[in-house]
Protein backbone atom coordinates (compact mmCIF):
# COMPACT_ATOMS: atom_id res chain seq x y z
CA MET A 1 0.00 0.00 0.00
CA HIS A 2 1.65 3.20 -1.17
CA SER A 3 1.56 6.52 0.63
CA GLU A 4 3.39 9.81 0.16
CA PRO A 5 7.12 8.94 0.04
CA PHE A 6 9.27 10.23 2.90
CA TYR A 7 11.87 11.28 0.29
CA ASP A 8 10.03 13.19 -2.44
CA PRO A 9 11.45 12.50 -5.95
CA ALA A 10 9.59 15.57 -7.26
CA LYS A 11 11.80 17.79 -5.10
CA SER A 12 15.52 18.42 -5.34
CA TYR A 13 17.99 16.77 -3.00
CA LEU A 14 18.50 20.10 -1.21
CA ASP A 15 14.74 20.62 -0.81
CA ASN A 16 14.44 17.16 0.70
CA PHE A 17 17.43 17.78 2.94
CA GLU A 18 16.11 21.10 4.22
CA HIS A 19 12.38 20.34 4.46
CA GLY A 20 12.01 16.55 4.67
CA PRO A 21 11.11 13.97 5.59
CA PHE A 22 7.56 13.97 4.22
CA GLY A 23 4.42 11.88 4.55
CA LEU A 24 4.10 9.73 7.65
CA PHE A 25 7.79 10.31 8.43
CA ALA A 26 7.04 14.02 8.98
CA ASN A 27 5.08 13.49 12.18
CA THR A 28 6.30 10.47 14.09
CA SER A 29 6.26 9.42 17.70
CA PRO A 30 8.26 6.57 19.23
CA SER A 31 6.49 3.23 19.48
CA PHE A 32 8.19 0.11 20.78
CA PRO A 33 7.24 -3.48 21.60
CA ALA A 34 6.44 -4.17 25.23
CA GLU A 35 8.86 -7.10 25.38
CA PRO A 36 12.65 -6.64 25.37
CA PRO A 37 14.63 -7.07 22.13
CA ARG A 38 15.17 -10.70 21.19
CA HIS A 39 17.74 -10.33 18.42
CA GLN A 40 21.40 -9.37 18.15
CA PHE A 41 23.05 -7.44 15.34
CA LEU A 42 26.83 -7.10 15.53
CA GLY A 43 26.71 -7.22 19.30
CA GLN A 44 23.78 -4.80 19.62
CA PRO A 45 20.31 -5.89 20.79
CA VAL A 46 17.57 -5.14 18.23
CA PHE A 47 13.83 -5.69 18.26
CA ALA A 48 13.94 -6.90 14.66
CA PRO A 49 16.88 -7.43 12.28
CA PHE A 50 15.36 -5.01 9.77
CA GLY A 51 16.26 -1.51 8.70
CA ILE A 52 16.89 0.97 5.89
CA PRO A 53 20.23 0.89 4.01
CA ALA A 54 22.41 3.85 3.07
CA GLY A 55 20.47 6.01 0.64
CA PRO A 56 17.18 7.66 1.54
CA LEU A 57 17.96 8.64 5.16
CA ILE A 58 19.82 11.79 4.15
CA ASN A 59 20.12 13.46 7.55
CA GLY A 60 19.32 13.01 11.22
CA ARG A 61 15.66 13.93 10.92
CA PHE A 62 15.13 11.09 8.46
CA VAL A 63 17.06 8.66 10.69
CA LYS A 64 15.07 9.62 13.79
CA ALA A 65 11.78 9.20 11.91
CA ALA A 66 12.90 5.76 10.73
CA LEU A 67 13.68 4.77 14.31
CA ASP A 68 10.28 6.03 15.46
CA MET A 69 8.58 3.99 12.71
CA GLY A 70 10.27 0.79 13.88
CA PHE A 71 13.15 0.46 11.44
CA ASP A 72 15.59 -0.77 14.07
CA ILE A 73 18.79 -0.66 11.96
CA PRO A 74 18.74 2.58 9.96
CA VAL A 75 21.85 3.69 8.05
CA TYR A 76 22.74 7.38 7.96
CA LYS A 77 23.36 8.15 4.28
CA THR A 78 26.96 7.81 3.10
CA VAL A 79 29.11 10.83 3.95
CA ARG A 80 32.56 12.04 2.88
CA THR A 81 35.43 13.95 4.45
CA ARG A 82 34.55 17.03 2.38
CA ARG A 83 31.65 18.53 0.54
CA GLN A 84 30.49 16.74 -2.60
CA PRO A 85 27.67 18.18 -4.75
CA CYS A 86 24.63 16.16 -5.74
CA HIS A 87 23.97 15.24 -9.36
CA PRO A 88 21.37 17.45 -11.07
CA TRP A 89 17.67 16.80 -10.47
CA PRO A 90 15.91 14.48 -11.14
CA ASN A 91 17.68 11.95 -8.97
CA VAL A 92 14.93 9.34 -8.63
CA LEU A 93 12.61 8.04 -11.36
CA ALA A 94 10.33 5.03 -11.61
CA VAL A 95 11.24 2.26 -14.04
CA LYS A 96 8.93 -0.49 -15.21
CA VAL A 97 10.52 -3.92 -15.35
CA GLU A 98 8.72 -7.11 -16.29
CA GLY A 99 9.94 -9.60 -13.70
CA ASP A 100 13.65 -9.61 -12.93
CA LEU A 101 16.07 -7.00 -14.26
CA LYS A 102 18.17 -8.66 -16.94
CA PRO A 103 21.79 -7.87 -17.86
CA ASP A 104 22.18 -5.02 -20.38
CA GLN A 105 18.45 -4.29 -20.31
CA THR A 106 17.36 -0.80 -21.43
CA LEU A 107 14.61 0.71 -19.28
CA VAL A 108 12.09 3.53 -19.71
CA ALA A 109 11.76 5.91 -16.78
CA GLY A 110 8.83 7.98 -15.61
CA THR A 111 6.92 9.04 -12.53
CA ASP A 112 4.50 6.13 -12.14
CA TYR A 113 5.52 4.74 -8.76
CA SER A 114 3.00 1.90 -8.77
CA GLU A 115 3.58 -1.77 -8.05
CA PRO A 116 5.75 -3.60 -8.82
CA LEU A 117 7.94 -0.77 -7.58
CA SER A 118 11.42 -0.29 -9.00
CA ILE A 119 13.34 2.94 -9.37
CA THR A 120 16.56 4.28 -10.75
CA ASN A 121 18.52 6.63 -8.54
CA SER A 122 21.49 8.82 -9.34
CA PHE A 123 22.82 11.14 -6.64
CA GLY A 124 26.59 10.90 -6.96
CA VAL A 125 27.00 10.24 -3.22
CA PRO A 126 26.65 13.90 -2.17
CA SER A 127 27.95 15.06 1.18
CA PHE A 128 28.14 18.17 3.28
CA ASP A 129 31.28 19.05 5.21
CA PRO A 130 31.96 17.15 8.45
CA ASP A 131 31.21 20.31 10.45
CA LEU A 132 27.58 19.78 9.47
CA TRP A 133 27.16 16.01 9.31
CA GLN A 134 29.23 15.01 12.36
CA PRO A 135 26.98 16.62 15.02
CA ASP A 136 23.89 15.60 13.05
CA MET A 137 24.99 11.95 12.88
CA ALA A 138 25.93 12.03 16.57
CA GLU A 139 22.48 13.29 17.52
CA ALA A 140 20.81 10.62 15.38
CA ALA A 141 22.95 7.86 16.87
CA ALA A 142 22.13 9.01 20.39
CA TYR A 143 18.40 9.01 19.55
CA ALA A 144 18.32 5.22 19.13
CA ARG A 145 16.64 3.44 22.04
CA PRO A 146 17.69 0.08 23.50
CA GLY A 147 16.75 -2.39 20.78
CA GLN A 148 17.88 -0.11 17.96
CA VAL A 149 21.23 0.81 16.40
CA VAL A 150 22.21 3.53 13.93
CA VAL A 151 24.86 2.69 11.34
CA GLY A 152 27.13 5.45 10.01
CA SER A 153 28.08 5.01 6.34
CA PHE A 154 30.98 6.71 4.57
CA GLN A 155 33.29 6.51 1.61
CA ALA A 156 36.48 8.20 0.46
CA THR A 157 36.87 10.55 -2.49
CA LEU A 158 39.39 9.63 -5.14
CA PRO A 159 41.99 12.43 -5.30
CA GLU A 160 42.60 14.21 -8.60
CA SER A 161 46.22 13.07 -8.45
CA GLY A 162 45.16 9.44 -8.36
CA SER A 163 47.47 8.88 -5.41
CA VAL A 164 46.77 5.59 -3.65
CA ALA A 165 48.32 6.89 -0.44
CA ALA A 166 46.06 9.96 -0.44
CA TYR A 167 43.04 7.78 -1.20
CA LEU A 168 43.77 5.48 1.74
CA GLN A 169 44.39 8.48 3.98
CA ASP A 170 40.96 9.83 3.08
CA PHE A 171 39.43 6.51 4.16
CA ARG A 172 41.32 6.78 7.44
CA LEU A 173 40.08 10.30 8.03
CA GLY A 174 36.50 9.39 7.13
CA ALA A 175 36.55 6.41 9.50
CA ARG A 176 37.90 8.59 12.30
CA LEU A 177 35.26 11.27 11.75
CA VAL A 178 32.41 8.74 11.73
CA LYS A 179 33.75 7.00 14.83
CA GLU A 180 33.80 10.34 16.66
CA THR A 181 29.99 10.60 16.25
CA GLY A 182 29.46 7.67 18.61
CA VAL A 183 27.76 5.30 16.16
CA LYS A 184 28.05 1.69 17.24
CA VAL A 185 28.48 0.28 13.71
CA ILE A 186 30.30 1.73 10.69
CA GLU A 187 29.72 0.89 7.04
CA VAL A 188 32.16 1.69 4.25
CA ASN A 189 30.73 1.89 0.75
CA LEU A 190 32.82 -0.14 -1.69
CA SER A 191 30.09 -0.39 -4.31
CA CYS A 192 29.78 2.98 -6.06
CA PRO A 193 31.24 3.65 -9.53
CA ASN A 194 34.61 5.14 -10.38
CA GLU A 195 36.21 4.67 -6.98
CA GLY A 196 38.49 1.71 -7.72
CA THR A 197 40.90 0.59 -10.40
CA ALA A 198 38.26 -1.88 -11.58
CA ASN A 199 35.36 0.61 -11.78
CA LEU A 200 33.71 -0.57 -8.57
CA LEU A 201 36.07 -0.63 -5.63
CA CYS A 202 34.65 -3.92 -4.36
CA PHE A 203 35.80 -5.59 -7.60
CA ASP A 204 39.37 -4.52 -6.85
CA ILE A 205 40.16 -7.06 -4.15
CA VAL A 206 43.69 -5.89 -3.38
CA ARG A 207 42.66 -2.26 -3.00
CA SER A 208 39.59 -3.20 -0.97
CA ARG A 209 41.80 -5.11 1.45
CA GLN A 210 44.09 -2.09 1.80
CA VAL A 211 41.07 0.10 2.49
CA VAL A 212 39.68 -2.23 5.14
CA GLU A 213 43.04 -2.53 6.88
CA ALA A 214 43.42 1.26 6.95
CA ILE A 215 39.93 1.69 8.39
CA LYS A 216 40.39 -0.99 11.05
CA GLU A 217 43.56 0.72 12.23
CA GLU A 218 41.44 3.81 12.91
CA ILE A 219 38.32 2.28 14.45
CA GLY A 220 39.76 -0.67 16.38
CA SER A 221 37.07 -3.03 17.67
CA LEU A 222 34.14 -0.95 16.41
CA PRO A 223 32.16 -3.24 14.04
CA LEU A 224 32.80 -2.58 10.34
CA MET A 225 30.47 -3.53 7.49
CA ILE A 226 31.40 -3.34 3.81
CA LYS A 227 28.78 -2.60 1.17
CA THR A 228 29.26 -4.56 -2.04
CA ALA A 229 27.72 -4.97 -5.46
CA TYR A 230 26.32 -8.05 -7.22
CA TYR A 231 29.03 -10.46 -8.37
CA LYS A 232 28.27 -12.37 -11.56
CA ASP A 233 31.45 -14.43 -11.23
CA GLN A 234 31.50 -16.89 -8.34
CA THR A 235 35.28 -17.27 -8.44
CA ARG A 236 35.73 -13.53 -7.97
CA LEU A 237 33.20 -13.47 -5.13
CA GLN A 238 34.96 -16.38 -3.45
CA ALA A 239 38.30 -14.56 -3.72
CA PHE A 240 36.74 -11.40 -2.30
CA VAL A 241 35.23 -13.20 0.69
CA ARG A 242 38.39 -15.22 1.29
CA GLU A 243 40.43 -12.01 1.38
CA LEU A 244 38.06 -9.73 3.31
CA GLY A 245 35.53 -11.92 5.11
CA GLY A 246 37.81 -12.48 8.08
CA ALA A 247 38.75 -8.81 8.35
CA VAL A 248 35.24 -7.31 8.58
CA ASP A 249 32.20 -7.83 10.76
CA GLY A 250 29.52 -7.68 8.10
CA ILE A 251 28.92 -7.71 4.34
CA VAL A 252 26.01 -5.70 2.93
CA SER A 253 24.77 -6.81 -0.46
CA ILE A 254 23.56 -5.65 -2.88
CA ASN A 255 23.68 -1.98 -3.80
CA THR A 256 22.04 -1.33 -7.18
CA ILE A 257 22.36 -2.92 -10.62
CA ALA A 258 23.25 -0.53 -13.42
CA ALA A 259 21.07 -0.21 -16.52
CA GLU A 260 20.62 2.17 -19.41
CA VAL A 261 17.67 4.43 -18.61
CA LEU A 262 15.76 6.43 -21.25
CA ASP A 263 12.68 8.65 -21.15
CA ALA A 264 9.48 7.97 -23.08
CA SER A 265 10.95 9.75 -26.11
CA GLY A 266 14.01 7.55 -26.19
CA HIS A 267 16.40 10.16 -24.83
CA GLN A 268 18.67 9.93 -21.79
CA ALA A 269 16.34 10.19 -18.78
CA LEU A 270 18.81 11.65 -16.28
CA PRO A 271 20.58 14.79 -17.51
CA GLY A 272 24.33 15.16 -17.49
CA GLU A 273 27.45 13.37 -18.60
CA GLY A 274 27.87 9.81 -17.41
CA ARG A 275 24.24 9.35 -16.38
CA LEU A 276 22.91 7.32 -19.31
CA ARG A 277 23.43 4.28 -17.10
CA SER A 278 22.30 4.49 -13.50
CA GLY A 279 21.57 2.20 -10.60
CA VAL A 280 18.27 0.32 -10.41
CA CYS A 281 16.81 -0.84 -7.12
CA GLY A 282 13.49 -2.18 -5.88
CA SER A 283 11.50 -5.27 -6.75
CA ALA A 284 13.34 -5.91 -10.04
CA VAL A 285 16.63 -6.65 -8.26
CA LYS A 286 15.33 -8.81 -5.40
CA TRP A 287 16.55 -11.93 -7.19
CA ALA A 288 20.12 -10.60 -7.09
CA GLY A 289 19.99 -9.61 -3.42
CA VAL A 290 18.57 -12.95 -2.31
CA GLU A 291 21.00 -14.86 -4.51
CA MET A 292 23.95 -12.95 -3.05
CA ALA A 293 22.77 -13.60 0.51
CA SER A 294 22.63 -17.31 -0.27
CA ARG A 295 26.04 -17.36 -1.95
CA LEU A 296 27.63 -15.40 0.89
CA ALA A 297 26.11 -17.76 3.44
CA ARG A 298 27.55 -20.79 1.66
CA LEU A 299 30.99 -19.19 1.39
CA ARG A 300 30.88 -18.16 5.04
CA ALA A 301 30.25 -21.76 6.04
CA GLU A 302 32.80 -23.21 3.63
CA LEU A 303 35.54 -20.81 4.78
CA GLY A 304 34.70 -21.05 8.48
CA MET A 305 34.01 -17.33 8.86
CA ASN A 306 31.44 -15.53 10.99
CA PHE A 307 30.73 -12.17 9.35
CA ALA A 308 27.12 -11.00 9.39
CA ILE A 309 25.19 -10.89 6.11
CA VAL A 310 22.87 -7.95 5.45
CA GLY A 311 20.50 -8.61 2.55
CA VAL A 312 19.36 -5.62 0.49
CA GLY A 313 17.31 -5.35 -2.68
CA GLY A 314 13.56 -5.58 -3.23
CA ALA A 315 12.73 -6.43 0.39
CA GLY A 316 9.28 -4.88 0.22
CA SER A 317 7.15 -7.31 2.19
CA ALA A 318 7.15 -9.79 5.06
CA GLU A 319 7.42 -12.56 2.46
CA ALA A 320 10.55 -10.99 0.99
CA PHE A 321 12.01 -10.56 4.48
CA ASP A 322 11.39 -14.25 5.15
CA GLU A 323 13.00 -15.18 1.83
CA TYR A 324 16.15 -13.25 2.70
CA ARG A 325 16.34 -14.77 6.17
CA ARG A 326 15.98 -18.30 4.78
CA ALA A 327 18.74 -17.52 2.28
CA GLY A 328 21.10 -16.79 5.17
CA ALA A 329 20.79 -13.05 5.81
CA ASP A 330 21.30 -12.10 9.45
CA ALA A 331 19.57 -8.77 8.83
CA VAL A 332 17.51 -7.32 5.99
CA MET A 333 17.15 -3.73 4.80
CA SER A 334 14.71 -1.98 2.46
CA ALA A 335 15.10 1.42 0.80
CA THR A 336 12.76 1.70 -2.19
CA ALA A 337 9.75 -0.04 -0.66
CA ALA A 338 10.26 1.70 2.68
CA MET A 339 10.24 5.11 1.01
CA TRP A 340 6.66 4.61 -0.18
CA ASN A 341 5.54 2.36 2.69
CA PRO A 342 6.64 3.90 6.01
CA ARG A 343 4.77 1.17 7.91
CA LEU A 344 6.84 -1.60 6.34
CA ALA A 345 8.86 -2.31 9.50
CA GLN A 346 5.69 -2.58 11.56
CA GLN A 347 4.15 -4.95 8.99
CA ILE A 348 7.22 -7.18 8.98
CA LYS A 349 7.19 -7.38 12.78
CA GLU A 350 3.53 -8.41 12.62
CA GLN A 351 3.63 -10.76 9.64
CA ALA A 352 7.12 -12.21 9.12
CA HIS A 353 7.76 -15.82 10.12
CA GLU A 354 11.57 -15.67 10.18
CA LEU A 355 11.92 -13.19 13.07
């Protein structure tokens, strides 16, 4: 059942940042189960292993509203060590996909956000300066009640010089700044374009390992999750998990799947250079998220590791939550469906069988 989205695609990123959230997220009040939390997530008690991944919770007001609405593991949208502008509006458009999103599929975008709900989003991982986001993230983290935990997400910015040392130093600084906010879990985004020598940083296993080691030196025992993309090649995924699975506390998968997105006239839907292809999320990519959760669970068992698996992608119902949990996900997160269904966490707590 759709309602007014808490992030409004008809408004710019700045309008959403300054005036959002909207809909039911605009006027929330805390509501919690009478019984104590029964689940654990990376050492933290949670009422339900369900939340919202890095993306739509663009500042502390959004995070607090998510907590009030029962999303017990919300992720504060990915930040950087310095200001990064947002891509031009529009940043979110609906795409209609028959069934599962297929490789190299071209999609037509519009504003019909009806079921089955899938969207393309293209923000460019914007960020304000730490002077703004650090106190805001700290306040959001402190707002979580027992049974909830706020995750702070960040990524580095590739220097113009291309210096590996400077790149790793930016990861160190970002990790330190996020740790200073008091969040109990940190996520580093390894799954956005143009940040590694192999397009996506998570596909560059050697560099990803260097990044994780640099971050761990800064944050010590604070739990670290890494956000990854969909791996077509099982051998590459196995190598990635073998190299990083023992060094991190959690793997979040998936982010989006890229596709060519046109408007109804056959022109590029999202304006600007490099935006012909953009990330698709929602119901059309659930197959990939569930499949990755299952593959990660098998590799975890085979390699004798104990990292947590966070399943993301198309988790828009209690049935989808159950499917992820059966596949091996320790926690599940929803962005697209949650944006248009603010009561999703409450429905999962009422209806899911795998809690």
